Amino acid sequence: MNVDVAYDACEEITRREAKNFAYGIRLLRPPERRALSAVYALARRIDDIGDGTGSDEEKLAGLREVRKDIERLEPGEDPVLVALADAAERYRLPLAAFGELIDGCEMDVHGTRYATIDDLVGYCRRVAGTVGRLSLAVFGAQDRPGAVDLADDLGVALQLTNILRDVVEDRSMGRVYLPGNDAVTYGCNDDLSGPPDALAELIAFECTRARSWFARGLELLELLDWRSRACVGAMAGIYRRLLERIEAEPKAVLAGRLSLSTGEKLVVAAKALSGLGR
């Protein structure tokens, strides 16, 4: 398959599926934007398998196949693998990070629960920090001192925000992420059942934790060139604004999924591009 056609397919997947990621990625130069689209497209494939409608065995088998695809990276006619193979060669992508992402998705399939915040942070590093590390390679920043740790910290912040936004939806699917010890402390059961007021208090508490991870993770911006900084600043800014909304009204999360409007996301992206997003 022609590599340009393959990248086009990945960019289409990113435009169609990446509700927040796409606002940052469009601020990059075309070569980096295309490479990051390839990273996103494979990450999306992994997530879709883990979140799909098949049986647990079918999901685990599908994840094993993707793991094999990454290990041998023989693209054939698969546009996502063709683009990824090209990006991996150009940007020295740490492809082993995809294996960690798959590990995290397998934890989802198994219904893993987290007793402590440290347990949950380990999961967040697998499913979000990994994408941050892959992005660093595209930005040319993976060898800068402290960059990998800060990318992991920012990934934790983004994933905690996702978890807080989707807490009710995830619970309905039998997925519980918030630490069981915290839930009991705030008067919920460890499966997050219990009085709505108690769950809202738990969500508000976990928002303060996510804010701390943002404070650390956003130090990454100082290590990036201006376009990469704008890209990360836009994505992080969207999630941070969403976190602020959840923290201001935690009960709203119990009534439905919160999101920012397209206009709000564009404002955040414009501020990031102008250097005001921090």
C-alpha atoms as a PDB file:
ATOM      1  CA  MET A   1       0.000   0.000   0.000  1.00  0.00           C
ATOM      2  CA  ASN A   2       1.175   3.520  -0.806  1.00  0.00           C
ATOM      3  CA  VAL A   3       2.355   5.146   2.412  1.00  0.00           C
ATOM      4  CA  ASP A   4       0.624   8.466   1.665  1.00  0.00           C
ATOM      5  CA  VAL A   5      -2.693   6.657   1.243  1.00  0.00           C
ATOM      6  CA  ALA A   6      -2.034   4.872   4.527  1.00  0.00           C
ATOM      7  CA  TYR A   7      -1.420   8.158   6.350  1.00  0.00           C
ATOM      8  CA  ASP A   8      -4.576   9.616   4.800  1.00  0.00           C
ATOM      9  CA  ALA A   9      -6.545   6.718   6.258  1.00  0.00           C
ATOM     10  CA  CYS A  10      -5.046   7.330   9.715  1.00  0.00           C
ATOM     11  CA  GLU A  11      -5.844  11.034   9.542  1.00  0.00           C
ATOM     12  CA  GLU A  12      -9.426  10.209   8.627  1.00  0.00           C
ATOM     13  CA  ILE A  13      -9.685   7.888  11.651  1.00  0.00           C
ATOM     14  CA  THR A  14      -8.321  10.666  13.858  1.00  0.00           C
ATOM     15  CA  ARG A  15     -10.752  13.262  12.499  1.00  0.00           C
ATOM     16  CA  ARG A  16     -13.678  10.892  12.921  1.00  0.00           C
ATOM     17  CA  GLU A  17     -12.887   9.366  16.308  1.00  0.00           C
ATOM     18  CA  ALA A  18     -10.662  11.754  18.277  1.00  0.00           C
ATOM     19  CA  LYS A  19     -13.085  14.134  19.940  1.00  0.00           C
ATOM     20  CA  ASN A  20     -10.397  16.027  21.890  1.00  0.00           C
ATOM     21  CA  PHE A  21      -7.073  14.734  20.558  1.00  0.00           C
ATOM     22  CA  ALA A  22      -7.738  16.135  17.086  1.00  0.00           C
ATOM     23  CA  TYR A  23      -7.839  19.746  18.303  1.00  0.00           C
ATOM     24  CA  GLY A  24      -4.205  19.545  19.362  1.00  0.00           C
ATOM     25  CA  ILE A  25      -2.851  17.377  16.583  1.00  0.00           C
ATOM     26  CA  ARG A  26      -3.981  19.781  13.872  1.00  0.00           C
ATOM     27  CA  LEU A  27      -1.551  22.384  15.243  1.00  0.00           C
ATOM     28  CA  LEU A  28       1.496  20.298  14.249  1.00  0.00           C
ATOM     29  CA  ARG A  29       3.438  20.452  10.993  1.00  0.00           C
ATOM     30  CA  PRO A  30       2.043  17.926   8.453  1.00  0.00           C
ATOM     31  CA  PRO A  31       4.795  15.285   8.919  1.00  0.00           C
ATOM     32  CA  GLU A  32       4.369  15.170  12.707  1.00  0.00           C
ATOM     33  CA  ARG A  33       0.603  15.397  12.404  1.00  0.00           C
ATOM     34  CA  ARG A  34       0.546  12.384  10.112  1.00  0.00           C
ATOM     35  CA  ALA A  35       2.881  10.382  12.335  1.00  0.00           C
ATOM     36  CA  LEU A  36       0.800  11.120  15.418  1.00  0.00           C
ATOM     37  CA  SER A  37      -2.338  10.170  13.492  1.00  0.00           C
ATOM     38  CA  ALA A  38      -0.779   6.751  12.883  1.00  0.00           C
ATOM     39  CA  VAL A  39      -0.086   6.414  16.611  1.00  0.00           C
ATOM     40  CA  TYR A  40      -3.647   7.444  17.416  1.00  0.00           C
ATOM     41  CA  ALA A  41      -5.167   5.098  14.820  1.00  0.00           C
ATOM     42  CA  LEU A  42      -3.485   2.038  16.319  1.00  0.00           C
ATOM     43  CA  ALA A  43      -4.304   3.140  19.869  1.00  0.00           C
ATOM     44  CA  ARG A  44      -7.916   3.563  18.757  1.00  0.00           C
ATOM     45  CA  ARG A  45      -7.908   0.057  17.316  1.00  0.00           C
ATOM     46  CA  ILE A  46      -6.664  -1.354  20.620  1.00  0.00           C
ATOM     47  CA  ASP A  47      -9.288   0.576  22.599  1.00  0.00           C
ATOM     48  CA  ASP A  48     -12.078  -0.472  20.244  1.00  0.00           C
ATOM     49  CA  ILE A  49     -11.204  -4.136  20.719  1.00  0.00           C
ATOM     50  CA  GLY A  50     -11.191  -3.781  24.499  1.00  0.00           C
ATOM     51  CA  ASP A  51     -14.473  -1.820  24.499  1.00  0.00           C
ATOM     52  CA  GLY A  52     -16.183  -3.914  21.808  1.00  0.00           C
ATOM     53  CA  THR A  53     -19.262  -6.105  21.998  1.00  0.00           C
ATOM     54  CA  GLY A  54     -17.518  -9.464  21.712  1.00  0.00           C
ATOM     55  CA  SER A  55     -17.009 -11.916  24.531  1.00  0.00           C
ATOM     56  CA  ASP A  56     -14.088 -11.474  26.883  1.00  0.00           C
ATOM     57  CA  GLU A  57     -12.260 -14.320  25.145  1.00  0.00           C
ATOM     58  CA  GLU A  58     -12.803 -12.711  21.749  1.00  0.00           C
ATOM     59  CA  LYS A  59     -11.508  -9.382  23.040  1.00  0.00           C
ATOM     60  CA  LEU A  60      -8.414 -10.963  24.573  1.00  0.00           C
ATOM     61  CA  ALA A  61      -7.751 -12.892  21.362  1.00  0.00           C
ATOM     62  CA  GLY A  62      -8.078  -9.685  19.341  1.00  0.00           C
ATOM     63  CA  LEU A  63      -5.636  -7.897  21.643  1.00  0.00           C
ATOM     64  CA  ARG A  64      -3.165 -10.764  21.288  1.00  0.00           C
ATOM     65  CA  GLU A  65      -3.339 -10.422  17.513  1.00  0.00           C
ATOM     66  CA  VAL A  66      -2.616  -6.700  17.662  1.00  0.00           C
ATOM     67  CA  ARG A  67       0.306  -7.398  19.981  1.00  0.00           C
ATOM     68  CA  LYS A  68       1.708  -9.803  17.376  1.00  0.00           C
ATOM     69  CA  ASP A  69       1.130  -7.244  14.604  1.00  0.00           C
ATOM     70  CA  ILE A  70       3.212  -4.689  16.513  1.00  0.00           C
ATOM     71  CA  GLU A  71       5.996  -7.133  17.347  1.00  0.00           C
ATOM     72  CA  ARG A  72       6.516  -8.248  13.765  1.00  0.00           C
ATOM     73  CA  LEU A  73       5.307  -5.026  12.079  1.00  0.00           C
ATOM     74  CA  GLU A  74       4.783  -6.539   8.663  1.00  0.00           C
ATOM     75  CA  PRO A  75       2.265  -4.020   7.338  1.00  0.00           C
ATOM     76  CA  GLY A  76       0.988  -5.741   4.200  1.00  0.00           C
ATOM     77  CA  GLU A  77      -2.162  -3.940   3.086  1.00  0.00           C
ATOM     78  CA  ASP A  78      -3.206  -2.670   6.522  1.00  0.00           C
ATOM     79  CA  PRO A  79      -3.076   1.150   6.240  1.00  0.00           C
ATOM     80  CA  VAL A  80      -2.643   1.705   9.976  1.00  0.00           C
ATOM     81  CA  LEU A  81       0.330  -0.658  10.153  1.00  0.00           C
ATOM     82  CA  VAL A  82       1.828   0.746   6.941  1.00  0.00           C
ATOM     83  CA  ALA A  83       1.723   4.279   8.345  1.00  0.00           C
ATOM     84  CA  LEU A  84       2.943   3.152  11.753  1.00  0.00           C
ATOM     85  CA  ALA A  85       5.916   1.300  10.270  1.00  0.00           C
ATOM     86  CA  ASP A  86       6.927   4.422   8.366  1.00  0.00           C
ATOM     87  CA  ALA A  87       6.472   6.655  11.426  1.00  0.00           C
ATOM     88  CA  ALA A  88       8.415   4.220  13.614  1.00  0.00           C
ATOM     89  CA  GLU A  89      11.383   4.419  11.259  1.00  0.00           C
ATOM     90  CA  ARG A  90      11.265   8.197  10.912  1.00  0.00           C
ATOM     91  CA  TYR A  91      10.738   9.059  14.597  1.00  0.00           C
ATOM     92  CA  ARG A  92      12.197   6.113  16.556  1.00  0.00           C
ATOM     93  CA  LEU A  93       8.838   5.311  18.108  1.00  0.00           C
ATOM     94  CA  PRO A  94       9.098   3.234  21.308  1.00  0.00           C
ATOM     95  CA  LEU A  95       6.744   0.561  19.990  1.00  0.00           C
ATOM     96  CA  ALA A  96       6.943  -1.384  23.256  1.00  0.00           C
ATOM     97  CA  ALA A  97       4.662   1.308  24.686  1.00  0.00           C
ATOM     98  CA  PHE A  98       1.807  -0.160  22.650  1.00  0.00           C
ATOM     99  CA  GLY A  99       2.343  -3.397  24.547  1.00  0.00           C
ATOM    100  CA  GLU A 100       1.748  -1.530  27.801  1.00  0.00           C
ATOM    101  CA  LEU A 101      -1.417  -0.013  26.337  1.00  0.00           C
ATOM    102  CA  ILE A 102      -2.607  -3.504  25.467  1.00  0.00           C
ATOM    103  CA  ASP A 103      -1.804  -4.585  29.036  1.00  0.00           C
ATOM    104  CA  GLY A 104      -4.118  -1.835  30.276  1.00  0.00           C
ATOM    105  CA  CYS A 105      -6.912  -2.867  27.915  1.00  0.00           C
ATOM    106  CA  GLU A 106      -6.557  -6.456  29.101  1.00  0.00           C
ATOM    107  CA  MET A 107      -7.037  -5.182  32.649  1.00  0.00           C
ATOM    108  CA  ASP A 108     -10.307  -3.607  31.483  1.00  0.00           C
ATOM    109  CA  VAL A 109     -11.472  -6.860  29.937  1.00  0.00           C
ATOM    110  CA  HIS A 110     -10.666  -8.729  33.149  1.00  0.00           C
ATOM    111  CA  GLY A 111     -12.607  -6.127  35.162  1.00  0.00           C
ATOM    112  CA  THR A 112      -9.627  -5.179  37.303  1.00  0.00           C
ATOM    113  CA  ARG A 113     -10.451  -2.906  40.225  1.00  0.00           C
ATOM    114  CA  TYR A 114      -8.116  -0.603  42.111  1.00  0.00           C
ATOM    115  CA  ALA A 115      -7.907  -0.509  45.894  1.00  0.00           C
ATOM    116  CA  THR A 116      -5.597   2.493  46.139  1.00  0.00           C
ATOM    117  CA  ILE A 117      -4.695   5.562  44.133  1.00  0.00           C
ATOM    118  CA  ASP A 118      -1.258   4.062  43.459  1.00  0.00           C
ATOM    119  CA  ASP A 119      -2.942   1.057  41.846  1.00  0.00           C
ATOM    120  CA  LEU A 120      -5.052   3.347  39.673  1.00  0.00           C
ATOM    121  CA  VAL A 121      -2.062   5.490  38.695  1.00  0.00           C
ATOM    122  CA  GLY A 122      -0.312   2.350  37.439  1.00  0.00           C
ATOM    123  CA  TYR A 123      -3.281   1.660  35.170  1.00  0.00           C
ATOM    124  CA  CYS A 124      -3.368   5.290  33.956  1.00  0.00           C
ATOM    125  CA  ARG A 125       0.310   5.146  33.029  1.00  0.00           C
ATOM    126  CA  ARG A 126      -0.396   2.080  30.899  1.00  0.00           C
ATOM    127  CA  VAL A 127      -3.358   3.436  28.970  1.00  0.00           C
ATOM    128  CA  ALA A 128      -2.460   7.137  28.716  1.00  0.00           C
ATOM    129  CA  GLY A 129       1.162   7.651  29.678  1.00  0.00           C
ATOM    130  CA  THR A 130       2.152   5.283  26.899  1.00  0.00           C
ATOM    131  CA  VAL A 131       0.561   7.518  24.275  1.00  0.00           C
ATOM    132  CA  GLY A 132       2.403  10.462  25.805  1.00  0.00           C
ATOM    133  CA  ARG A 133       5.713   8.641  25.442  1.00  0.00           C
ATOM    134  CA  LEU A 134       4.963   7.793  21.818  1.00  0.00           C
ATOM    135  CA  SER A 135       4.045  11.430  21.211  1.00  0.00           C
ATOM    136  CA  LEU A 136       7.352  12.584  22.687  1.00  0.00           C
ATOM    137  CA  ALA A 137       9.176  10.601  20.015  1.00  0.00           C
ATOM    138  CA  VAL A 138       7.200  12.365  17.296  1.00  0.00           C
ATOM    139  CA  PHE A 139       7.993  15.712  18.955  1.00  0.00           C
ATOM    140  CA  GLY A 140      11.699  14.825  19.045  1.00  0.00           C
ATOM    141  CA  ALA A 141      11.735  15.277  22.812  1.00  0.00           C
ATOM    142  CA  GLN A 142      11.983  11.753  24.182  1.00  0.00           C
ATOM    143  CA  ASP A 143      15.653  12.135  25.158  1.00  0.00           C
ATOM    144  CA  ARG A 144      15.229  15.416  27.030  1.00  0.00           C
ATOM    145  CA  PRO A 145      15.828  15.007  30.779  1.00  0.00           C
ATOM    146  CA  GLY A 146      12.572  14.556  32.674  1.00  0.00           C
ATOM    147  CA  ALA A 147      10.356  14.493  29.572  1.00  0.00           C
ATOM    148  CA  VAL A 148       9.238  10.864  29.864  1.00  0.00           C
ATOM    149  CA  ASP A 149       8.258  11.203  33.523  1.00  0.00           C
ATOM    150  CA  LEU A 150       6.346  14.418  32.831  1.00  0.00           C
ATOM    151  CA  ALA A 151       4.557  12.838  29.870  1.00  0.00           C
ATOM    152  CA  ASP A 152       3.496  10.016  32.174  1.00  0.00           C
ATOM    153  CA  ASP A 153       2.269  12.529  34.774  1.00  0.00           C
ATOM    154  CA  LEU A 154       0.219  14.387  32.181  1.00  0.00           C
ATOM    155  CA  GLY A 155      -1.183  11.099  30.921  1.00  0.00           C
ATOM    156  CA  VAL A 156      -2.344  10.289  34.450  1.00  0.00           C
ATOM    157  CA  ALA A 157      -4.090  13.680  34.652  1.00  0.00           C
ATOM    158  CA  LEU A 158      -5.892  13.141  31.344  1.00  0.00           C
ATOM    159  CA  GLN A 159      -6.953   9.596  32.192  1.00  0.00           C
ATOM    160  CA  LEU A 160      -8.202  10.536  35.671  1.00  0.00           C
ATOM    161  CA  THR A 161     -10.331  13.218  34.030  1.00  0.00           C
ATOM    162  CA  ASN A 162     -11.727  10.644  31.600  1.00  0.00           C
ATOM    163  CA  ILE A 163     -12.522   8.325  34.495  1.00  0.00           C
ATOM    164  CA  LEU A 164     -14.314  11.060  36.438  1.00  0.00           C
ATOM    165  CA  ARG A 165     -16.323  12.099  33.391  1.00  0.00           C
ATOM    166  CA  ASP A 166     -17.405   8.529  32.617  1.00  0.00           C
ATOM    167  CA  VAL A 167     -17.838   7.183  36.136  1.00  0.00           C
ATOM    168  CA  VAL A 168     -21.550   6.349  35.771  1.00  0.00           C
ATOM    169  CA  GLU A 169     -21.272   4.967  32.242  1.00  0.00           C
ATOM    170  CA  ASP A 170     -18.321   2.795  33.238  1.00  0.00           C
ATOM    171  CA  ARG A 171     -20.114   1.540  36.341  1.00  0.00           C
ATOM    172  CA  SER A 172     -23.057   0.442  34.205  1.00  0.00           C
ATOM    173  CA  MET A 173     -20.598  -1.696  32.200  1.00  0.00           C
ATOM    174  CA  GLY A 174     -19.174  -3.257  35.356  1.00  0.00           C
ATOM    175  CA  ARG A 175     -16.000  -1.171  35.198  1.00  0.00           C
ATOM    176  CA  VAL A 176     -14.979   0.588  38.387  1.00  0.00           C
ATOM    177  CA  TYR A 177     -11.809   2.655  38.406  1.00  0.00           C
ATOM    178  CA  LEU A 178     -11.947   4.984  41.404  1.00  0.00           C
ATOM    179  CA  PRO A 179      -9.984   3.556  44.343  1.00  0.00           C
ATOM    180  CA  GLY A 180     -12.050   1.270  46.555  1.00  0.00           C
ATOM    181  CA  ASN A 181     -10.414   2.612  49.712  1.00  0.00           C
ATOM    182  CA  ASP A 182     -11.428   6.164  48.813  1.00  0.00           C
ATOM    183  CA  ALA A 183     -14.976   5.051  47.987  1.00  0.00           C
ATOM    184  CA  VAL A 184     -15.436   3.478  51.420  1.00  0.00           C
ATOM    185  CA  THR A 185     -13.973   6.546  53.118  1.00  0.00           C
ATOM    186  CA  TYR A 186     -16.596   8.752  51.452  1.00  0.00           C
ATOM    187  CA  GLY A 187     -19.520   6.453  52.258  1.00  0.00           C
ATOM    188  CA  CYS A 188     -19.808   4.511  48.984  1.00  0.00           C
ATOM    189  CA  ASN A 189     -19.375   0.811  48.415  1.00  0.00           C
ATOM    190  CA  ASP A 190     -16.211  -0.214  46.588  1.00  0.00           C
ATOM    191  CA  ASP A 191     -18.334  -0.811  43.466  1.00  0.00           C
ATOM    192  CA  LEU A 192     -19.374   2.875  43.667  1.00  0.00           C
ATOM    193  CA  SER A 193     -22.938   2.066  44.635  1.00  0.00           C
ATOM    194  CA  GLY A 194     -24.391   4.063  47.504  1.00  0.00           C
ATOM    195  CA  PRO A 195     -25.880   7.503  48.145  1.00  0.00           C
ATOM    196  CA  PRO A 196     -25.488   9.931  45.218  1.00  0.00           C
ATOM    197  CA  ASP A 197     -24.297  12.671  47.570  1.00  0.00           C
ATOM    198  CA  ALA A 198     -21.492  10.420  48.802  1.00  0.00           C
ATOM    199  CA  LEU A 199     -20.442   9.588  45.244  1.00  0.00           C
ATOM    200  CA  ALA A 200     -20.443  13.289  44.349  1.00  0.00           C
ATOM    201  CA  GLU A 201     -18.158  13.995  47.317  1.00  0.00           C
ATOM    202  CA  LEU A 202     -15.846  11.195  46.202  1.00  0.00           C
ATOM    203  CA  ILE A 203     -15.720  12.649  42.676  1.00  0.00           C
ATOM    204  CA  ALA A 204     -14.913  16.106  44.061  1.00  0.00           C
ATOM    205  CA  PHE A 205     -12.060  14.642  46.099  1.00  0.00           C
ATOM    206  CA  GLU A 206     -10.598  12.782  43.122  1.00  0.00           C
ATOM    207  CA  CYS A 207     -10.780  16.023  41.110  1.00  0.00           C
ATOM    208  CA  THR A 208      -8.255  17.563  43.501  1.00  0.00           C
ATOM    209  CA  ARG A 209      -5.916  14.659  42.784  1.00  0.00           C
ATOM    210  CA  ALA A 210      -6.304  15.078  39.039  1.00  0.00           C
ATOM    211  CA  ARG A 211      -5.538  18.775  39.422  1.00  0.00           C
ATOM    212  CA  SER A 212      -2.255  17.911  41.132  1.00  0.00           C
ATOM    213  CA  TRP A 213      -1.276  15.616  38.275  1.00  0.00           C
ATOM    214  CA  PHE A 214      -2.042  18.401  35.802  1.00  0.00           C
ATOM    215  CA  ALA A 215       0.177  20.804  37.752  1.00  0.00           C
ATOM    216  CA  ARG A 216       3.095  18.402  37.439  1.00  0.00           C
ATOM    217  CA  GLY A 217       2.414  17.156  33.940  1.00  0.00           C
ATOM    218  CA  LEU A 218       2.054  20.578  32.372  1.00  0.00           C
ATOM    219  CA  GLU A 219       5.702  21.269  33.184  1.00  0.00           C
ATOM    220  CA  LEU A 220       6.311  19.154  30.081  1.00  0.00           C
ATOM    221  CA  LEU A 221       5.375  22.162  27.931  1.00  0.00           C
ATOM    222  CA  GLU A 222       8.648  23.881  28.823  1.00  0.00           C
ATOM    223  CA  LEU A 223      10.588  21.040  27.168  1.00  0.00           C
ATOM    224  CA  LEU A 224       8.800  21.184  23.801  1.00  0.00           C
ATOM    225  CA  ASP A 225       9.192  23.294  20.675  1.00  0.00           C
ATOM    226  CA  TRP A 226       6.423  25.784  20.101  1.00  0.00           C
ATOM    227  CA  ARG A 227       4.277  23.671  17.791  1.00  0.00           C
ATOM    228  CA  SER A 228       4.513  20.596  19.993  1.00  0.00           C
ATOM    229  CA  ARG A 229       3.811  22.808  22.993  1.00  0.00           C
ATOM    230  CA  ALA A 230       0.697  24.169  21.280  1.00  0.00           C
ATOM    231  CA  CYS A 231      -0.453  20.632  20.430  1.00  0.00           C
ATOM    232  CA  VAL A 232      -0.062  19.336  23.975  1.00  0.00           C
ATOM    233  CA  GLY A 233      -1.354  22.577  25.474  1.00  0.00           C
ATOM    234  CA  ALA A 234      -4.551  22.354  23.433  1.00  0.00           C
ATOM    235  CA  MET A 235      -5.263  18.732  24.339  1.00  0.00           C
ATOM    236  CA  ALA A 236      -4.403  19.225  27.997  1.00  0.00           C
ATOM    237  CA  GLY A 237      -6.309  22.512  28.122  1.00  0.00           C
ATOM    238  CA  ILE A 238      -9.507  20.856  26.914  1.00  0.00           C
ATOM    239  CA  TYR A 239      -9.271  18.157  29.557  1.00  0.00           C
ATOM    240  CA  ARG A 240      -8.318  20.605  32.295  1.00  0.00           C
ATOM    241  CA  ARG A 241     -11.321  22.780  31.487  1.00  0.00           C
ATOM    242  CA  LEU A 242     -13.506  19.672  31.587  1.00  0.00           C
ATOM    243  CA  LEU A 243     -12.035  18.787  34.991  1.00  0.00           C
ATOM    244  CA  GLU A 244     -12.836  22.286  36.257  1.00  0.00           C
ATOM    245  CA  ARG A 245     -16.438  21.803  35.167  1.00  0.00           C
ATOM    246  CA  ILE A 246     -16.663  18.449  36.936  1.00  0.00           C
ATOM    247  CA  GLU A 247     -15.084  19.881  40.083  1.00  0.00           C
ATOM    248  CA  ALA A 248     -17.502  22.824  40.109  1.00  0.00           C
ATOM    249  CA  GLU A 249     -20.550  20.550  39.804  1.00  0.00           C
ATOM    250  CA  PRO A 250     -19.675  16.901  40.594  1.00  0.00           C
ATOM    251  CA  LYS A 251     -23.340  15.880  40.758  1.00  0.00           C
ATOM    252  CA  ALA A 252     -23.692  16.754  37.064  1.00  0.00           C
ATOM    253  CA  VAL A 253     -21.507  13.751  36.227  1.00  0.00           C
ATOM    254  CA  LEU A 254     -24.143  11.504  37.804  1.00  0.00           C
ATOM    255  CA  ALA A 255     -26.828  12.865  35.469  1.00  0.00           C
ATOM    256  CA  GLY A 256     -24.986  12.463  32.168  1.00  0.00           C
ATOM    257  CA  ARG A 257     -21.706  12.796  30.360  1.00  0.00           C
ATOM    258  CA  LEU A 258     -20.190  16.275  30.511  1.00  0.00           C
ATOM    259  CA  SER A 259     -18.358  17.678  27.496  1.00  0.00           C
ATOM    260  CA  LEU A 260     -17.161  20.965  26.072  1.00  0.00           C
ATOM    261  CA  SER A 261     -18.787  22.492  23.027  1.00  0.00           C
ATOM    262  CA  THR A 262     -16.899  22.725  19.746  1.00  0.00           C
ATOM    263  CA  GLY A 263     -16.611  26.475  20.281  1.00  0.00           C
ATOM    264  CA  GLU A 264     -15.056  26.020  23.708  1.00  0.00           C
ATOM    265  CA  LYS A 265     -12.535  23.531  22.343  1.00  0.00           C
ATOM    266  CA  LEU A 266     -11.586  25.899  19.531  1.00  0.00           C
ATOM    267  CA  VAL A 267     -11.008  28.704  22.029  1.00  0.00           C
ATOM    268  CA  VAL A 268      -8.702  26.467  24.073  1.00  0.00           C
ATOM    269  CA  ALA A 269      -6.809  25.439  20.931  1.00  0.00           C
ATOM    270  CA  ALA A 270      -6.440  29.051  19.786  1.00  0.00           C
ATOM    271  CA  LYS A 271      -5.071  30.083  23.185  1.00  0.00           C
ATOM    272  CA  ALA A 272      -2.599  27.190  23.116  1.00  0.00           C
ATOM    273  CA  LEU A 273      -1.410  28.237  19.650  1.00  0.00           C
ATOM    274  CA  SER A 274      -0.937  31.827  20.786  1.00  0.00           C
ATOM    275  CA  GLY A 275       0.988  30.707  23.872  1.00  0.00           C
ATOM    276  CA  LEU A 276      -1.773  31.594  26.334  1.00  0.00           C
ATOM    277  CA  GLY A 277      -3.005  28.048  26.960  1.00  0.00           C
ATOM    278  CA  ARG A 278      -0.875  27.412  30.049  1.00  0.00           C
END
